[in-house]
């Protein structure tokens, strides 16, 4: 009898949704040691700006400063990260971050996504070659990864230390 994975189960396997970053060999980051600030612009209209993989690559190639959230719609940890940590914070601080939904990416796009952070020590990928763990928050300066934060409980601390909101 031939068994077929349901599309939702397959996507969850590819997305690597996690409740914690225990599998990532993660060292706690002291954000107070960073001398750089990422300038984001005041925006009281939205909290998240969706980007395609092409738009993401362009930001990196154009050496932009930005923050991006890797997430998956079926990821329960992503839902907690957004609902319990990020939504209220971003609304209060009145700025938006970029986000990319890895569930809708093709295999080729997932490879391109991996290539964006290929030279970074912050790599949210499992050892079996699956897609990136979610949620995962990346901070870019001049198109280079400054830091990646896998613990959603640390997202607002990282944002407080690394972001400056400009009018």
C-alpha atoms as a PDB file:
ATOM      1  CA  UNK A   1       0.000   0.000   0.000  1.00  0.00           C
ATOM      2  CA  UNK A   2       1.413   3.352  -1.028  1.00  0.00           C
ATOM      3  CA  UNK A   3       1.418   6.074   1.625  1.00  0.00           C
ATOM      4  CA  UNK A   4       1.242   9.761   0.751  1.00  0.00           C
ATOM      5  CA  UNK A   5       2.075  12.615   3.087  1.00  0.00           C
ATOM      6  CA  UNK A   6      -0.614  15.214   3.423  1.00  0.00           C
ATOM      7  CA  UNK A   7       0.468  18.625   2.050  1.00  0.00           C
ATOM      8  CA  UNK A   8       0.043  20.268   5.468  1.00  0.00           C
ATOM      9  CA  UNK A   9       2.216  17.638   7.172  1.00  0.00           C
ATOM     10  CA  UNK A  10       4.874  17.955   4.452  1.00  0.00           C
ATOM     11  CA  UNK A  11       4.935  21.734   4.799  1.00  0.00           C
ATOM     12  CA  UNK A  12       5.298  21.458   8.555  1.00  0.00           C
ATOM     13  CA  UNK A  13       8.249  19.115   8.061  1.00  0.00           C
ATOM     14  CA  UNK A  14       9.832  21.575   5.633  1.00  0.00           C
ATOM     15  CA  UNK A  15       9.182  24.599   7.823  1.00  0.00           C
ATOM     16  CA  UNK A  16      10.850  23.250  10.949  1.00  0.00           C
ATOM     17  CA  UNK A  17       8.438  24.981  13.314  1.00  0.00           C
ATOM     18  CA  UNK A  18       9.872  24.862  16.817  1.00  0.00           C
ATOM     19  CA  UNK A  19       8.745  26.034  20.232  1.00  0.00           C
ATOM     20  CA  UNK A  20      12.296  26.702  21.323  1.00  0.00           C
ATOM     21  CA  UNK A  21      15.743  26.818  19.793  1.00  0.00           C
ATOM     22  CA  UNK A  22      17.225  23.921  21.734  1.00  0.00           C
ATOM     23  CA  UNK A  23      18.210  22.192  18.505  1.00  0.00           C
ATOM     24  CA  UNK A  24      20.218  25.157  17.195  1.00  0.00           C
ATOM     25  CA  UNK A  25      23.395  25.090  19.329  1.00  0.00           C
ATOM     26  CA  UNK A  26      22.328  28.550  20.368  1.00  0.00           C
ATOM     27  CA  UNK A  27      24.443  30.843  22.502  1.00  0.00           C
ATOM     28  CA  UNK A  28      22.645  33.621  24.313  1.00  0.00           C
ATOM     29  CA  UNK A  29      23.309  36.997  22.714  1.00  0.00           C
ATOM     30  CA  UNK A  30      24.180  40.094  24.727  1.00  0.00           C
ATOM     31  CA  UNK A  31      22.563  42.780  22.570  1.00  0.00           C
ATOM     32  CA  UNK A  32      24.057  45.579  24.667  1.00  0.00           C
ATOM     33  CA  UNK A  33      27.445  44.828  23.092  1.00  0.00           C
ATOM     34  CA  UNK A  34      26.270  45.863  19.610  1.00  0.00           C
ATOM     35  CA  UNK A  35      27.287  49.378  18.617  1.00  0.00           C
ATOM     36  CA  UNK A  36      25.126  49.507  15.509  1.00  0.00           C
ATOM     37  CA  UNK A  37      21.505  50.510  15.266  1.00  0.00           C
ATOM     38  CA  UNK A  38      19.184  49.590  12.443  1.00  0.00           C
ATOM     39  CA  UNK A  39      17.157  52.604  11.368  1.00  0.00           C
ATOM     40  CA  UNK A  40      13.506  51.796  10.706  1.00  0.00           C
ATOM     41  CA  UNK A  41      10.868  54.299   9.732  1.00  0.00           C
ATOM     42  CA  UNK A  42       7.814  55.246  11.722  1.00  0.00           C
ATOM     43  CA  UNK A  43       4.758  53.357  10.499  1.00  0.00           C
ATOM     44  CA  UNK A  44       1.548  53.234  12.477  1.00  0.00           C
ATOM     45  CA  UNK A  45      -0.415  51.605   9.625  1.00  0.00           C
ATOM     46  CA  UNK A  46       1.067  48.084   9.568  1.00  0.00           C
ATOM     47  CA  UNK A  47       3.236  45.841  11.715  1.00  0.00           C
ATOM     48  CA  UNK A  48       4.484  43.421   9.066  1.00  0.00           C
ATOM     49  CA  UNK A  49       5.428  43.931   5.434  1.00  0.00           C
ATOM     50  CA  UNK A  50       5.346  40.748   3.352  1.00  0.00           C
ATOM     51  CA  UNK A  51       8.280  40.292   0.979  1.00  0.00           C
ATOM     52  CA  UNK A  52       8.981  37.818  -1.783  1.00  0.00           C
ATOM     53  CA  UNK A  53      12.285  35.987  -1.983  1.00  0.00           C
ATOM     54  CA  UNK A  54      13.254  38.316  -4.858  1.00  0.00           C
ATOM     55  CA  UNK A  55      12.511  41.434  -2.809  1.00  0.00           C
ATOM     56  CA  UNK A  56      14.489  39.953   0.094  1.00  0.00           C
ATOM     57  CA  UNK A  57      17.481  39.251  -2.144  1.00  0.00           C
ATOM     58  CA  UNK A  58      17.277  42.795  -3.545  1.00  0.00           C
ATOM     59  CA  UNK A  59      17.415  44.284  -0.045  1.00  0.00           C
ATOM     60  CA  UNK A  60      20.557  42.270   0.665  1.00  0.00           C
ATOM     61  CA  UNK A  61      22.125  43.114  -2.716  1.00  0.00           C
ATOM     62  CA  UNK A  62      21.296  46.814  -2.220  1.00  0.00           C
ATOM     63  CA  UNK A  63      23.043  46.638   1.169  1.00  0.00           C
ATOM     64  CA  UNK A  64      19.977  47.804   3.097  1.00  0.00           C
ATOM     65  CA  UNK A  65      19.416  47.780   6.850  1.00  0.00           C
ATOM     66  CA  UNK A  66      16.291  45.867   7.828  1.00  0.00           C
ATOM     67  CA  UNK A  67      14.670  43.300  10.099  1.00  0.00           C
ATOM     68  CA  UNK A  68      12.938  40.211   8.723  1.00  0.00           C
ATOM     69  CA  UNK A  69      10.884  37.489  10.376  1.00  0.00           C
ATOM     70  CA  UNK A  70      10.883  33.950   8.983  1.00  0.00           C
ATOM     71  CA  UNK A  71       7.508  32.422   9.793  1.00  0.00           C
ATOM     72  CA  UNK A  72       5.013  29.786   8.694  1.00  0.00           C
ATOM     73  CA  UNK A  73       1.251  30.105   8.920  1.00  0.00           C
ATOM     74  CA  UNK A  74       0.868  26.579  10.357  1.00  0.00           C
ATOM     75  CA  UNK A  75       3.585  27.131  12.973  1.00  0.00           C
ATOM     76  CA  UNK A  76       2.143  27.399  16.493  1.00  0.00           C
ATOM     77  CA  UNK A  77       5.368  28.978  17.819  1.00  0.00           C
ATOM     78  CA  UNK A  78       5.080  31.660  15.114  1.00  0.00           C
ATOM     79  CA  UNK A  79       1.546  32.402  16.234  1.00  0.00           C
ATOM     80  CA  UNK A  80       2.716  32.790  19.839  1.00  0.00           C
ATOM     81  CA  UNK A  81       5.668  34.947  18.747  1.00  0.00           C
ATOM     82  CA  UNK A  82       3.392  37.302  16.843  1.00  0.00           C
ATOM     83  CA  UNK A  83       0.372  37.346  19.179  1.00  0.00           C
ATOM     84  CA  UNK A  84       2.151  37.369  22.534  1.00  0.00           C
ATOM     85  CA  UNK A  85       5.368  39.244  21.721  1.00  0.00           C
ATOM     86  CA  UNK A  86       5.539  41.149  18.448  1.00  0.00           C
ATOM     87  CA  UNK A  87       2.072  42.515  17.612  1.00  0.00           C
ATOM     88  CA  UNK A  88       1.688  44.720  20.680  1.00  0.00           C
ATOM     89  CA  UNK A  89       5.339  45.725  20.659  1.00  0.00           C
ATOM     90  CA  UNK A  90       5.347  46.809  16.995  1.00  0.00           C
ATOM     91  CA  UNK A  91       2.038  48.609  17.412  1.00  0.00           C
ATOM     92  CA  UNK A  92       3.296  50.487  20.483  1.00  0.00           C
ATOM     93  CA  UNK A  93       6.645  51.400  18.902  1.00  0.00           C
ATOM     94  CA  UNK A  94       4.923  52.181  15.571  1.00  0.00           C
ATOM     95  CA  UNK A  95       7.218  50.521  13.081  1.00  0.00           C
ATOM     96  CA  UNK A  96       6.993  47.512  10.790  1.00  0.00           C
ATOM     97  CA  UNK A  97       9.312  44.605  10.111  1.00  0.00           C
ATOM     98  CA  UNK A  98       9.523  42.499   6.997  1.00  0.00           C
ATOM     99  CA  UNK A  99       8.299  38.938   7.008  1.00  0.00           C
ATOM    100  CA  UNK A 100       8.584  35.972   4.695  1.00  0.00           C
ATOM    101  CA  UNK A 101       6.221  33.023   4.846  1.00  0.00           C
ATOM    102  CA  UNK A 102       8.404  30.017   4.128  1.00  0.00           C
ATOM    103  CA  UNK A 103       5.400  27.728   3.607  1.00  0.00           C
ATOM    104  CA  UNK A 104       4.600  29.287   0.256  1.00  0.00           C
ATOM    105  CA  UNK A 105       8.149  29.049  -1.109  1.00  0.00           C
ATOM    106  CA  UNK A 106       9.048  26.489  -3.749  1.00  0.00           C
ATOM    107  CA  UNK A 107      12.033  24.183  -3.268  1.00  0.00           C
ATOM    108  CA  UNK A 108      14.104  26.498  -5.492  1.00  0.00           C
ATOM    109  CA  UNK A 109      13.024  29.537  -3.442  1.00  0.00           C
ATOM    110  CA  UNK A 110      13.957  27.737  -0.202  1.00  0.00           C
ATOM    111  CA  UNK A 111      17.442  27.193  -1.639  1.00  0.00           C
ATOM    112  CA  UNK A 112      17.637  30.884  -2.532  1.00  0.00           C
ATOM    113  CA  UNK A 113      16.477  31.723   1.014  1.00  0.00           C
ATOM    114  CA  UNK A 114      19.262  29.573   2.439  1.00  0.00           C
ATOM    115  CA  UNK A 115      21.811  31.298   0.205  1.00  0.00           C
ATOM    116  CA  UNK A 116      20.902  34.727   1.623  1.00  0.00           C
ATOM    117  CA  UNK A 117      22.375  33.749   4.997  1.00  0.00           C
ATOM    118  CA  UNK A 118      24.958  31.235   3.741  1.00  0.00           C
ATOM    119  CA  UNK A 119      27.931  33.169   5.160  1.00  0.00           C
ATOM    120  CA  UNK A 120      26.338  33.869   8.526  1.00  0.00           C
ATOM    121  CA  UNK A 121      26.932  31.970  11.739  1.00  0.00           C
ATOM    122  CA  UNK A 122      23.214  32.465  12.407  1.00  0.00           C
ATOM    123  CA  UNK A 123      21.657  29.673  10.362  1.00  0.00           C
ATOM    124  CA  UNK A 124      18.135  28.539  11.264  1.00  0.00           C
ATOM    125  CA  UNK A 125      18.346  25.199   9.474  1.00  0.00           C
ATOM    126  CA  UNK A 126      18.171  21.685  10.791  1.00  0.00           C
ATOM    127  CA  UNK A 127      20.991  19.168  10.279  1.00  0.00           C
ATOM    128  CA  UNK A 128      18.885  17.021   7.955  1.00  0.00           C
ATOM    129  CA  UNK A 129      18.667  19.652   5.212  1.00  0.00           C
ATOM    130  CA  UNK A 130      15.102  20.714   5.895  1.00  0.00           C
ATOM    131  CA  UNK A 131      13.767  24.224   5.603  1.00  0.00           C
ATOM    132  CA  UNK A 132      14.478  26.929   8.145  1.00  0.00           C
ATOM    133  CA  UNK A 133      13.232  26.781  11.691  1.00  0.00           C
ATOM    134  CA  UNK A 134      10.480  29.234  12.428  1.00  0.00           C
ATOM    135  CA  UNK A 135      10.004  31.720  13.926  1.00  0.00           C
ATOM    136  CA  UNK A 136      13.410  33.312  13.361  1.00  0.00           C
ATOM    137  CA  UNK A 137      14.210  37.033  13.419  1.00  0.00           C
ATOM    138  CA  UNK A 138      17.131  38.374  11.379  1.00  0.00           C
ATOM    139  CA  UNK A 139      18.763  41.790  11.692  1.00  0.00           C
ATOM    140  CA  UNK A 140      20.648  43.062   8.623  1.00  0.00           C
ATOM    141  CA  UNK A 141      23.096  45.995   8.417  1.00  0.00           C
ATOM    142  CA  UNK A 142      24.477  46.999   5.013  1.00  0.00           C
ATOM    143  CA  UNK A 143      22.982  43.833   3.539  1.00  0.00           C
ATOM    144  CA  UNK A 144      24.883  41.573   5.954  1.00  0.00           C
ATOM    145  CA  UNK A 145      23.456  39.559   8.829  1.00  0.00           C
ATOM    146  CA  UNK A 146      24.234  41.381  12.054  1.00  0.00           C
ATOM    147  CA  UNK A 147      22.500  38.786  14.196  1.00  0.00           C
ATOM    148  CA  UNK A 148      19.786  36.157  14.074  1.00  0.00           C
ATOM    149  CA  UNK A 149      17.496  35.482  17.033  1.00  0.00           C
ATOM    150  CA  UNK A 150      15.715  32.125  17.279  1.00  0.00           C
ATOM    151  CA  UNK A 151      14.080  32.606  20.701  1.00  0.00           C
ATOM    152  CA  UNK A 152      10.840  34.526  20.265  1.00  0.00           C
ATOM    153  CA  UNK A 153      10.934  35.357  23.967  1.00  0.00           C
ATOM    154  CA  UNK A 154      14.029  37.482  23.136  1.00  0.00           C
ATOM    155  CA  UNK A 155      12.574  39.215  20.075  1.00  0.00           C
ATOM    156  CA  UNK A 156      11.511  42.408  21.853  1.00  0.00           C
ATOM    157  CA  UNK A 157      14.785  42.646  23.799  1.00  0.00           C
ATOM    158  CA  UNK A 158      16.712  42.378  20.549  1.00  0.00           C
ATOM    159  CA  UNK A 159      14.476  44.961  18.882  1.00  0.00           C
ATOM    160  CA  UNK A 160      14.881  47.383  21.818  1.00  0.00           C
ATOM    161  CA  UNK A 161      18.665  47.189  21.617  1.00  0.00           C
ATOM    162  CA  UNK A 162      19.119  47.148  17.844  1.00  0.00           C
ATOM    163  CA  UNK A 163      16.400  49.392  16.406  1.00  0.00           C
ATOM    164  CA  UNK A 164      16.101  53.153  16.171  1.00  0.00           C
ATOM    165  CA  UNK A 165      12.778  54.474  14.870  1.00  0.00           C
ATOM    166  CA  UNK A 166      13.042  57.505  12.599  1.00  0.00           C
ATOM    167  CA  UNK A 167      10.256  59.781  11.413  1.00  0.00           C
END
